[in-house]
Amino acid sequence: MFEYLKTWLALKTDRRAVTALEYGLIASLIAVVIVTGVKLIGTNLSTMFTSVAGNL
């Protein structure tokens, strides 16, 4: 019984998993922002190049 209680208390005070989860969420948010930005820039560049090619 004491071994179970000792293990439970050790797991309760271990914050490494929470920190790893937070870093994972931050990394995924950054990835979404980068992908969205690249898509917007790509669409705008494509439109601009099409316009330039049409004027030539």
PDB file of N, CA and C in Angstrom:
ATOM      1  N   MET A   1       0.825  -1.195   0.000  1.00  0.00           N
ATOM      2  CA  MET A   1       0.000   0.000   0.000  1.00  0.00           C
ATOM      3  C   MET A   1       0.866   1.255   0.000  1.00  0.00           C
ATOM      4  N   PHE A   2       1.950   1.233   0.782  1.00  0.00           N
ATOM      5  CA  PHE A   2       2.809   2.413   0.846  1.00  0.00           C
ATOM      6  C   PHE A   2       3.538   2.645  -0.478  1.00  0.00           C
ATOM      7  N   GLU A   3       3.870   1.561  -1.155  1.00  0.00           N
ATOM      8  CA  GLU A   3       4.550   1.686  -2.451  1.00  0.00           C
ATOM      9  C   GLU A   3       3.611   2.342  -3.473  1.00  0.00           C
ATOM     10  N   TYR A   4       2.343   1.955  -3.447  1.00  0.00           N
ATOM     11  CA  TYR A   4       1.352   2.551  -4.339  1.00  0.00           C
ATOM     12  C   TYR A   4       1.207   4.040  -4.049  1.00  0.00           C
ATOM     13  N   LEU A   5       1.122   4.402  -2.776  1.00  0.00           N
ATOM     14  CA  LEU A   5       0.977   5.801  -2.380  1.00  0.00           C
ATOM     15  C   LEU A   5       2.208   6.611  -2.767  1.00  0.00           C
ATOM     16  N   LYS A   6       3.380   6.031  -2.589  1.00  0.00           N
ATOM     17  CA  LYS A   6       4.621   6.716  -2.942  1.00  0.00           C
ATOM     18  C   LYS A   6       4.699   6.943  -4.457  1.00  0.00           C
ATOM     19  N   THR A   7       4.298   5.944  -5.224  1.00  0.00           N
ATOM     20  CA  THR A   7       4.295   6.081  -6.683  1.00  0.00           C
ATOM     21  C   THR A   7       3.281   7.126  -7.125  1.00  0.00           C
ATOM     22  N   TRP A   8       2.113   7.123  -6.539  1.00  0.00           N
ATOM     23  CA  TRP A   8       1.077   8.087  -6.885  1.00  0.00           C
ATOM     24  C   TRP A   8       1.528   9.507  -6.583  1.00  0.00           C
ATOM     25  N   LEU A   9       2.155   9.725  -5.441  1.00  0.00           N
ATOM     26  CA  LEU A   9       2.647  11.059  -5.097  1.00  0.00           C
ATOM     27  C   LEU A   9       3.761  11.505  -6.040  1.00  0.00           C
ATOM     28  N   ALA A  10       4.616  10.580  -6.446  1.00  0.00           N
ATOM     29  CA  ALA A  10       5.694  10.924  -7.377  1.00  0.00           C
ATOM     30  C   ALA A  10       5.118  11.331  -8.728  1.00  0.00           C
ATOM     31  N   LEU A  11       4.102  10.627  -9.198  1.00  0.00           N
ATOM     32  CA  LEU A  11       3.483  10.976 -10.471  1.00  0.00           C
ATOM     33  C   LEU A  11       2.703  12.282 -10.388  1.00  0.00           C
ATOM     34  N   LYS A  12       2.111  12.534  -9.248  1.00  0.00           N
ATOM     35  CA  LYS A  12       1.325  13.753  -9.074  1.00  0.00           C
ATOM     36  C   LYS A  12       2.206  14.994  -9.121  1.00  0.00           C
ATOM     37  N   THR A  13       3.405  14.899  -8.609  1.00  0.00           N
ATOM     38  CA  THR A  13       4.286  16.064  -8.563  1.00  0.00           C
ATOM     39  C   THR A  13       5.182  16.179  -9.793  1.00  0.00           C
ATOM     40  N   ASP A  14       5.155  15.205 -10.694  1.00  0.00           N
ATOM     41  CA  ASP A  14       5.987  15.233 -11.897  1.00  0.00           C
ATOM     42  C   ASP A  14       5.316  16.116 -12.949  1.00  0.00           C
ATOM     43  N   ARG A  15       5.956  17.209 -13.323  1.00  0.00           N
ATOM     44  CA  ARG A  15       5.380  18.177 -14.255  1.00  0.00           C
ATOM     45  C   ARG A  15       5.955  18.061 -15.671  1.00  0.00           C
ATOM     46  N   ARG A  16       6.795  17.063 -15.922  1.00  0.00           N
ATOM     47  CA  ARG A  16       7.451  16.962 -17.231  1.00  0.00           C
ATOM     48  C   ARG A  16       6.459  16.726 -18.359  1.00  0.00           C
ATOM     49  N   ALA A  17       5.450  15.919 -18.121  1.00  0.00           N
ATOM     50  CA  ALA A  17       4.473  15.633 -19.173  1.00  0.00           C
ATOM     51  C   ALA A  17       3.666  16.879 -19.526  1.00  0.00           C
ATOM     52  N   VAL A  18       3.328  17.662 -18.526  1.00  0.00           N
ATOM     53  CA  VAL A  18       2.572  18.891 -18.770  1.00  0.00           C
ATOM     54  C   VAL A  18       3.413  19.863 -19.583  1.00  0.00           C
ATOM     55  N   THR A  19       4.680  19.982 -19.254  1.00  0.00           N
ATOM     56  CA  THR A  19       5.575  20.869 -19.986  1.00  0.00           C
ATOM     57  C   THR A  19       5.732  20.405 -21.427  1.00  0.00           C
ATOM     58  N   ALA A  20       5.883  19.119 -21.636  1.00  0.00           N
ATOM     59  CA  ALA A  20       6.008  18.588 -22.996  1.00  0.00           C
ATOM     60  C   ALA A  20       4.738  18.855 -23.796  1.00  0.00           C
ATOM     61  N   LEU A  21       3.598  18.720 -23.173  1.00  0.00           N
ATOM     62  CA  LEU A  21       2.330  18.995 -23.847  1.00  0.00           C
ATOM     63  C   LEU A  21       2.224  20.465 -24.228  1.00  0.00           C
ATOM     64  N   GLU A  22       2.634  21.351 -23.337  1.00  0.00           N
ATOM     65  CA  GLU A  22       2.606  22.780 -23.636  1.00  0.00           C
ATOM     66  C   GLU A  22       3.519  23.110 -24.810  1.00  0.00           C
ATOM     67  N   TYR A  23       4.715  22.540 -24.824  1.00  0.00           N
ATOM     68  CA  TYR A  23       5.632  22.775 -25.943  1.00  0.00           C
ATOM     69  C   TYR A  23       5.047  22.237 -27.245  1.00  0.00           C
ATOM     70  N   GLY A  24       4.382  21.115 -27.188  1.00  0.00           N
ATOM     71  CA  GLY A  24       3.743  20.555 -28.376  1.00  0.00           C
ATOM     72  C   GLY A  24       2.639  21.455 -28.914  1.00  0.00           C
ATOM     73  N   LEU A  25       1.834  22.010 -28.017  1.00  0.00           N
ATOM     74  CA  LEU A  25       0.770  22.917 -28.442  1.00  0.00           C
ATOM     75  C   LEU A  25       1.334  24.193 -29.052  1.00  0.00           C
ATOM     76  N   ILE A  26       2.387  24.725 -28.456  1.00  0.00           N
ATOM     77  CA  ILE A  26       3.023  25.931 -28.993  1.00  0.00           C
ATOM     78  C   ILE A  26       3.606  25.650 -30.375  1.00  0.00           C
ATOM     79  N   ALA A  27       4.271  24.515 -30.532  1.00  0.00           N
ATOM     80  CA  ALA A  27       4.864  24.160 -31.827  1.00  0.00           C
ATOM     81  C   ALA A  27       3.788  23.986 -32.894  1.00  0.00           C
ATOM     82  N   SER A  28       2.663  23.374 -32.544  1.00  0.00           N
ATOM     83  CA  SER A  28       1.597  23.191 -33.529  1.00  0.00           C
ATOM     84  C   SER A  28       0.959  24.526 -33.904  1.00  0.00           C
ATOM     85  N   LEU A  29       0.829  25.437 -32.957  1.00  0.00           N
ATOM     86  CA  LEU A  29       0.292  26.763 -33.256  1.00  0.00           C
ATOM     87  C   LEU A  29       1.218  27.517 -34.207  1.00  0.00           C
ATOM     88  N   ILE A  30       2.518  27.451 -33.960  1.00  0.00           N
ATOM     89  CA  ILE A  30       3.490  28.100 -34.841  1.00  0.00           C
ATOM     90  C   ILE A  30       3.421  27.490 -36.237  1.00  0.00           C
ATOM     91  N   ALA A  31       3.289  26.178 -36.327  1.00  0.00           N
ATOM     92  CA  ALA A  31       3.201  25.513 -37.631  1.00  0.00           C
ATOM     93  C   ALA A  31       1.956  25.957 -38.392  1.00  0.00           C
ATOM     94  N   VAL A  32       0.833  26.087 -37.718  1.00  0.00           N
ATOM     95  CA  VAL A  32      -0.401  26.530 -38.374  1.00  0.00           C
ATOM     96  C   VAL A  32      -0.240  27.956 -38.892  1.00  0.00           C
ATOM     97  N   VAL A  33       0.374  28.822 -38.108  1.00  0.00           N
ATOM     98  CA  VAL A  33       0.591  30.207 -38.537  1.00  0.00           C
ATOM     99  C   VAL A  33       1.502  30.249 -39.762  1.00  0.00           C
ATOM    100  N   ILE A  34       2.558  29.460 -39.768  1.00  0.00           N
ATOM    101  CA  ILE A  34       3.485  29.438 -40.906  1.00  0.00           C
ATOM    102  C   ILE A  34       2.789  28.921 -42.163  1.00  0.00           C
ATOM    103  N   VAL A  35       2.046  27.837 -42.042  1.00  0.00           N
ATOM    104  CA  VAL A  35       1.353  27.271 -43.207  1.00  0.00           C
ATOM    105  C   VAL A  35       0.333  28.261 -43.756  1.00  0.00           C
ATOM    106  N   THR A  36      -0.415  28.910 -42.891  1.00  0.00           N
ATOM    107  CA  THR A  36      -1.401  29.896 -43.335  1.00  0.00           C
ATOM    108  C   THR A  36      -0.722  31.065 -44.036  1.00  0.00           C
ATOM    109  N   GLY A  37       0.366  31.554 -43.466  1.00  0.00           N
ATOM    110  CA  GLY A  37       1.100  32.659 -44.091  1.00  0.00           C
ATOM    111  C   GLY A  37       1.656  32.293 -45.451  1.00  0.00           C
ATOM    112  N   VAL A  38       2.220  31.115 -45.568  1.00  0.00           N
ATOM    113  CA  VAL A  38       2.780  30.671 -46.853  1.00  0.00           C
ATOM    114  C   VAL A  38       1.678  30.522 -47.896  1.00  0.00           C
ATOM    115  N   LYS A  39       0.527  30.010 -47.501  1.00  0.00           N
ATOM    116  CA  LYS A  39      -0.587  29.872 -48.449  1.00  0.00           C
ATOM    117  C   LYS A  39      -1.060  31.242 -48.934  1.00  0.00           C
ATOM    118  N   LEU A  40      -1.185  32.200 -48.019  1.00  0.00           N
ATOM    119  CA  LEU A  40      -1.631  33.536 -48.415  1.00  0.00           C
ATOM    120  C   LEU A  40      -0.616  34.206 -49.330  1.00  0.00           C
ATOM    121  N   ILE A  41       0.647  34.120 -48.981  1.00  0.00           N
ATOM    122  CA  ILE A  41       1.694  34.723 -49.808  1.00  0.00           C
ATOM    123  C   ILE A  41       1.746  34.035 -51.168  1.00  0.00           C
ATOM    124  N   GLY A  42       1.629  32.733 -51.199  1.00  0.00           N
ATOM    125  CA  GLY A  42       1.648  31.990 -52.455  1.00  0.00           C
ATOM    126  C   GLY A  42       0.504  32.377 -53.370  1.00  0.00           C
ATOM    127  N   THR A  43      -0.681  32.535 -52.818  1.00  0.00           N
ATOM    128  CA  THR A  43      -1.843  32.932 -53.612  1.00  0.00           C
ATOM    129  C   THR A  43      -1.652  34.333 -54.170  1.00  0.00           C
ATOM    130  N   ASN A  44      -1.165  35.256 -53.344  1.00  0.00           N
ATOM    131  CA  ASN A  44      -0.946  36.627 -53.803  1.00  0.00           C
ATOM    132  C   ASN A  44       0.142  36.686 -54.866  1.00  0.00           C
ATOM    133  N   LEU A  45       1.211  35.928 -54.708  1.00  0.00           N
ATOM    134  CA  LEU A  45       2.280  35.908 -55.705  1.00  0.00           C
ATOM    135  C   LEU A  45       1.788  35.318 -57.019  1.00  0.00           C
ATOM    136  N   SER A  46       1.002  34.279 -56.941  1.00  0.00           N
ATOM    137  CA  SER A  46       0.462  33.664 -58.151  1.00  0.00           C
ATOM    138  C   SER A  46      -0.408  34.654 -58.914  1.00  0.00           C
ATOM    139  N   THR A  47      -1.248  35.382 -58.210  1.00  0.00           N
ATOM    140  CA  THR A  47      -2.101  36.391 -58.841  1.00  0.00           C
ATOM    141  C   THR A  47      -1.258  37.489 -59.475  1.00  0.00           C
ATOM    142  N   MET A  48      -0.231  37.929 -58.783  1.00  0.00           N
ATOM    143  CA  MET A  48       0.628  38.986 -59.298  1.00  0.00           C
ATOM    144  C   MET A  48       1.368  38.531 -60.554  1.00  0.00           C
ATOM    145  N   PHE A  49       1.928  37.323 -60.542  1.00  0.00           N
ATOM    146  CA  PHE A  49       2.650  36.824 -61.707  1.00  0.00           C
ATOM    147  C   PHE A  49       1.712  36.609 -62.897  1.00  0.00           C
ATOM    148  N   THR A  50       0.506  36.170 -62.632  1.00  0.00           N
ATOM    149  CA  THR A  50      -0.477  36.009 -63.703  1.00  0.00           C
ATOM    150  C   THR A  50      -0.818  37.359 -64.321  1.00  0.00           C
ATOM    151  N   SER A  51      -0.962  38.369 -63.489  1.00  0.00           N
ATOM    152  CA  SER A  51      -1.248  39.719 -63.976  1.00  0.00           C
ATOM    153  C   SER A  51      -0.092  40.260 -64.804  1.00  0.00           C
ATOM    154  N   VAL A  52       1.128  40.075 -64.337  1.00  0.00           N
ATOM    155  CA  VAL A  52       2.310  40.539 -65.073  1.00  0.00           C
ATOM    156  C   VAL A  52       2.422  39.802 -66.405  1.00  0.00           C
ATOM    157  N   ALA A  53       2.206  38.497 -66.400  1.00  0.00           N
ATOM    158  CA  ALA A  53       2.287  37.712 -67.634  1.00  0.00           C
ATOM    159  C   ALA A  53       1.202  38.139 -68.622  1.00  0.00           C
ATOM    160  N   GLY A  54       0.043  38.487 -68.127  1.00  0.00           N
ATOM    161  CA  GLY A  54      -1.043  38.940 -69.001  1.00  0.00           C
ATOM    162  C   GLY A  54      -0.747  40.290 -69.630  1.00  0.00           C
ATOM    163  N   ASN A  55      -0.037  41.145 -68.915  1.00  0.00           N
ATOM    164  CA  ASN A  55       0.306  42.467 -69.435  1.00  0.00           C
ATOM    165  C   ASN A  55       1.455  42.420 -70.429  1.00  0.00           C
ATOM    166  N   LEU A  56       2.226  41.353 -70.413  1.00  0.00           N
ATOM    167  CA  LEU A  56       3.328  41.241 -71.365  1.00  0.00           C
ATOM    168  C   LEU A  56       2.774  40.796 -72.682  1.00  0.00           C
TER     169      LEU A  56
END
